Amino acid sequence: MPAQYVKPYVKTNKTTTSTRGIAEAVGRPKMRFVPIKSDDQLDLQSTASVRERWVMRRTAVINQIRAYCSNVDHLRKDGAMNSQ
């Protein structure tokens, strides 16, 4: 059951009231339920998640290298590297 359907029936963030909210929501006649994911779907989801994190990490490293290179280039233009 999706959390968005249970949320209107939950009064506070306590576990017992959440359980009551779920019980009340399940008893509604027009309530829709979320199907259980297969192992293949879970594998695909975890692979996509790991790939997304890898791409974000790679982008962050590339941006960090650019910042370092930009800083060194800036120092060269100012003559700070040639002031030996």
N, C-alpha and C. Protein backbone atom coordinates (compact mmCIF):
# COMPACT_ATOMS: atom_id res chain seq x y z
N MET A 1 0.85 -1.17 0.00
CA MET A 1 0.00 0.00 0.00
C MET A 1 0.90 1.23 0.00
N PRO A 2 0.66 2.18 -0.90
CA PRO A 2 1.49 3.38 -0.95
C PRO A 2 1.32 4.24 0.30
N ALA A 3 2.40 4.85 0.73
CA ALA A 3 2.38 5.69 1.94
C ALA A 3 1.44 6.87 1.79
N GLN A 4 1.27 7.38 0.57
CA GLN A 4 0.41 8.55 0.37
C GLN A 4 -1.05 8.24 0.68
N TYR A 5 -1.43 6.96 0.61
CA TYR A 5 -2.81 6.60 0.94
C TYR A 5 -3.00 6.42 2.45
N VAL A 6 -1.92 6.09 3.14
CA VAL A 6 -2.01 5.86 4.58
C VAL A 6 -1.88 7.18 5.33
N LYS A 7 -1.11 8.12 4.81
CA LYS A 7 -0.79 9.37 5.50
C LYS A 7 -2.02 10.12 6.02
N PRO A 8 -3.11 10.23 5.27
CA PRO A 8 -4.26 10.97 5.80
C PRO A 8 -4.87 10.36 7.07
N TYR A 9 -4.62 9.08 7.30
CA TYR A 9 -5.21 8.41 8.45
C TYR A 9 -4.28 8.41 9.67
N VAL A 10 -3.04 8.86 9.51
CA VAL A 10 -2.08 8.88 10.61
C VAL A 10 -2.18 10.22 11.31
N LYS A 11 -2.35 10.20 12.63
CA LYS A 11 -2.53 11.44 13.39
C LYS A 11 -1.21 12.02 13.89
N THR A 12 -0.26 11.18 14.30
CA THR A 12 1.05 11.63 14.77
C THR A 12 2.11 10.71 14.18
N ASN A 13 3.34 10.92 14.55
CA ASN A 13 4.42 10.09 14.03
C ASN A 13 4.74 8.90 14.94
N LYS A 14 3.81 8.49 15.73
CA LYS A 14 4.01 7.35 16.62
C LYS A 14 3.73 6.05 15.87
N THR A 15 4.40 4.99 16.25
CA THR A 15 4.25 3.70 15.57
C THR A 15 2.84 3.15 15.73
N THR A 16 2.27 3.28 16.90
CA THR A 16 0.94 2.70 17.13
C THR A 16 -0.12 3.42 16.30
N THR A 17 0.00 4.75 16.18
CA THR A 17 -1.00 5.46 15.37
C THR A 17 -0.77 5.20 13.90
N SER A 18 0.47 4.97 13.49
CA SER A 18 0.74 4.62 12.10
C SER A 18 0.11 3.27 11.79
N THR A 19 0.22 2.35 12.73
CA THR A 19 -0.38 1.03 12.55
C THR A 19 -1.89 1.14 12.45
N ARG A 20 -2.47 1.98 13.28
CA ARG A 20 -3.93 2.19 13.21
C ARG A 20 -4.32 2.83 11.89
N GLY A 21 -3.51 3.76 11.42
CA GLY A 21 -3.78 4.41 10.13
C GLY A 21 -3.72 3.41 8.98
N ILE A 22 -2.75 2.52 9.03
CA ILE A 22 -2.65 1.49 7.99
C ILE A 22 -3.85 0.56 8.05
N ALA A 23 -4.23 0.17 9.27
CA ALA A 23 -5.38 -0.74 9.43
C ALA A 23 -6.66 -0.08 8.91
N GLU A 24 -6.82 1.20 9.19
CA GLU A 24 -8.02 1.90 8.71
C GLU A 24 -7.99 2.05 7.19
N ALA A 25 -6.83 2.38 6.64
CA ALA A 25 -6.72 2.56 5.19
C ALA A 25 -6.96 1.25 4.44
N VAL A 26 -6.48 0.14 5.00
CA VAL A 26 -6.66 -1.16 4.35
C VAL A 26 -8.14 -1.52 4.29
N GLY A 27 -8.89 -1.11 5.29
CA GLY A 27 -10.31 -1.45 5.34
C GLY A 27 -11.17 -0.68 4.35
N ARG A 28 -10.62 0.34 3.71
CA ARG A 28 -11.39 1.13 2.74
C ARG A 28 -11.64 0.30 1.48
N PRO A 29 -12.85 0.37 0.92
CA PRO A 29 -13.19 -0.48 -0.23
C PRO A 29 -12.44 -0.13 -1.52
N LYS A 30 -12.13 1.13 -1.75
CA LYS A 30 -11.51 1.51 -3.02
C LYS A 30 -9.99 1.69 -2.90
N MET A 31 -9.39 1.08 -1.90
CA MET A 31 -7.96 1.24 -1.69
C MET A 31 -7.19 0.40 -2.70
N ARG A 32 -6.14 1.01 -3.29
CA ARG A 32 -5.29 0.30 -4.24
C ARG A 32 -4.01 -0.13 -3.52
N PHE A 33 -3.45 -1.24 -3.93
CA PHE A 33 -2.24 -1.76 -3.31
C PHE A 33 -1.10 -1.78 -4.31
N VAL A 34 0.12 -1.64 -3.82
CA VAL A 34 1.31 -1.67 -4.65
C VAL A 34 1.74 -3.12 -4.82
N PRO A 35 1.99 -3.55 -6.06
CA PRO A 35 2.43 -4.93 -6.24
C PRO A 35 3.85 -5.13 -5.72
N ILE A 36 4.14 -6.33 -5.26
CA ILE A 36 5.48 -6.66 -4.75
C ILE A 36 6.43 -6.77 -5.94
N LYS A 37 7.62 -6.17 -5.81
CA LYS A 37 8.58 -6.19 -6.91
C LYS A 37 9.26 -7.55 -7.01
N SER A 38 9.52 -7.95 -8.25
CA SER A 38 10.22 -9.22 -8.47
C SER A 38 11.71 -9.02 -8.21
N ASP A 39 12.44 -10.14 -8.16
CA ASP A 39 13.89 -10.07 -7.94
C ASP A 39 14.58 -9.34 -9.09
N ASP A 40 14.09 -9.55 -10.32
CA ASP A 40 14.69 -8.86 -11.47
C ASP A 40 14.50 -7.35 -11.37
N GLN A 41 13.32 -6.92 -10.94
CA GLN A 41 13.06 -5.49 -10.77
C GLN A 41 13.95 -4.90 -9.68
N LEU A 42 14.12 -5.61 -8.58
CA LEU A 42 14.99 -5.13 -7.51
C LEU A 42 16.44 -5.05 -7.96
N ASP A 43 16.89 -6.04 -8.73
CA ASP A 43 18.26 -6.02 -9.26
C ASP A 43 18.47 -4.83 -10.19
N LEU A 44 17.52 -4.59 -11.06
CA LEU A 44 17.62 -3.47 -11.99
C LEU A 44 17.62 -2.14 -11.24
N GLN A 45 16.79 -2.03 -10.23
CA GLN A 45 16.71 -0.81 -9.44
C GLN A 45 18.01 -0.56 -8.69
N SER A 46 18.59 -1.60 -8.10
CA SER A 46 19.84 -1.41 -7.36
C SER A 46 20.99 -1.09 -8.31
N THR A 47 21.01 -1.71 -9.48
CA THR A 47 22.05 -1.40 -10.47
C THR A 47 21.94 0.05 -10.92
N ALA A 48 20.75 0.51 -11.18
CA ALA A 48 20.55 1.90 -11.60
C ALA A 48 20.96 2.87 -10.49
N SER A 49 20.66 2.51 -9.25
CA SER A 49 21.02 3.36 -8.12
C SER A 49 22.54 3.46 -7.97
N VAL A 50 23.22 2.33 -8.07
CA VAL A 50 24.68 2.33 -7.95
C VAL A 50 25.29 3.12 -9.10
N ARG A 51 24.77 2.95 -10.31
CA ARG A 51 25.30 3.69 -11.47
C ARG A 51 25.09 5.18 -11.29
N GLU A 52 23.93 5.58 -10.80
CA GLU A 52 23.65 7.00 -10.59
C GLU A 52 24.63 7.61 -9.59
N ARG A 53 24.88 6.88 -8.49
CA ARG A 53 25.85 7.38 -7.51
C ARG A 53 27.25 7.46 -8.10
N TRP A 54 27.62 6.49 -8.94
CA TRP A 54 28.94 6.49 -9.55
C TRP A 54 29.09 7.69 -10.48
N VAL A 55 28.07 7.97 -11.28
CA VAL A 55 28.11 9.11 -12.19
C VAL A 55 28.20 10.42 -11.41
N MET A 56 27.44 10.55 -10.33
CA MET A 56 27.50 11.77 -9.52
C MET A 56 28.89 11.94 -8.90
N ARG A 57 29.46 10.84 -8.42
CA ARG A 57 30.80 10.90 -7.82
C ARG A 57 31.84 11.28 -8.86
N ARG A 58 31.72 10.69 -10.06
CA ARG A 58 32.65 11.00 -11.14
C ARG A 58 32.56 12.46 -11.53
N THR A 59 31.34 12.99 -11.64
CA THR A 59 31.15 14.39 -11.98
C THR A 59 31.76 15.30 -10.93
N ALA A 60 31.60 14.94 -9.66
CA ALA A 60 32.17 15.74 -8.58
C ALA A 60 33.69 15.77 -8.67
N VAL A 61 34.31 14.63 -8.96
CA VAL A 61 35.76 14.56 -9.07
C VAL A 61 36.24 15.39 -10.27
N ILE A 62 35.53 15.30 -11.39
CA ILE A 62 35.91 16.09 -12.57
C ILE A 62 35.81 17.58 -12.26
N ASN A 63 34.77 17.98 -11.59
CA ASN A 63 34.62 19.40 -11.23
C ASN A 63 35.72 19.84 -10.26
N GLN A 64 36.10 18.96 -9.36
CA GLN A 64 37.17 19.28 -8.42
C GLN A 64 38.50 19.46 -9.17
N ILE A 65 38.77 18.59 -10.12
CA ILE A 65 39.99 18.71 -10.92
C ILE A 65 39.97 20.01 -11.71
N ARG A 66 38.83 20.36 -12.28
CA ARG A 66 38.71 21.62 -13.01
C ARG A 66 39.01 22.81 -12.10
N ALA A 67 38.50 22.76 -10.87
CA ALA A 67 38.73 23.86 -9.93
C ALA A 67 40.21 23.98 -9.60
N TYR A 68 40.88 22.84 -9.38
CA TYR A 68 42.32 22.88 -9.11
C TYR A 68 43.09 23.45 -10.29
N CYS A 69 42.74 22.98 -11.49
CA CYS A 69 43.42 23.47 -12.70
C CYS A 69 43.16 24.95 -12.89
N SER A 70 41.96 25.37 -12.64
CA SER A 70 41.62 26.79 -12.76
C SER A 70 42.42 27.62 -11.76
N ASN A 71 42.57 27.11 -10.57
CA ASN A 71 43.32 27.82 -9.54
C ASN A 71 44.79 27.93 -9.93
N VAL A 72 45.38 26.86 -10.44
CA VAL A 72 46.78 26.89 -10.86
C VAL A 72 46.95 27.85 -12.03
N ASP A 73 46.02 27.82 -12.98
CA ASP A 73 46.08 28.72 -14.13
C ASP A 73 45.97 30.16 -13.67
N HIS A 74 45.10 30.40 -12.70
CA HIS A 74 44.94 31.75 -12.15
C HIS A 74 46.23 32.22 -11.50
N LEU A 75 46.91 31.32 -10.78
CA LEU A 75 48.17 31.67 -10.13
C LEU A 75 49.25 31.97 -11.17
N ARG A 76 49.24 31.23 -12.28
CA ARG A 76 50.22 31.48 -13.34
C ARG A 76 50.01 32.85 -13.96
N LYS A 77 48.75 33.21 -14.18
CA LYS A 77 48.45 34.51 -14.80
C LYS A 77 48.86 35.66 -13.89
N ASP A 78 48.72 35.46 -12.59
CA ASP A 78 49.09 36.52 -11.64
C ASP A 78 50.59 36.58 -11.40
N GLY A 79 51.31 35.60 -11.86
CA GLY A 79 52.76 35.60 -11.66
C GLY A 79 53.18 34.98 -10.35
N ALA A 80 52.27 34.42 -9.61
CA ALA A 80 52.62 33.84 -8.31
C ALA A 80 53.50 32.61 -8.49
N MET A 81 53.35 31.89 -9.60
CA MET A 81 54.18 30.70 -9.84
C MET A 81 55.57 31.09 -10.30
N ASN A 82 55.73 32.26 -10.89
CA ASN A 82 57.02 32.69 -11.44
C ASN A 82 57.80 33.60 -10.50
N SER A 83 57.38 33.75 -9.29
CA SER A 83 58.02 34.68 -8.37
C SER A 83 59.10 34.03 -7.53
N GLN A 84 59.86 33.11 -8.12
CA GLN A 84 60.88 32.39 -7.35
C GLN A 84 62.10 33.19 -7.14
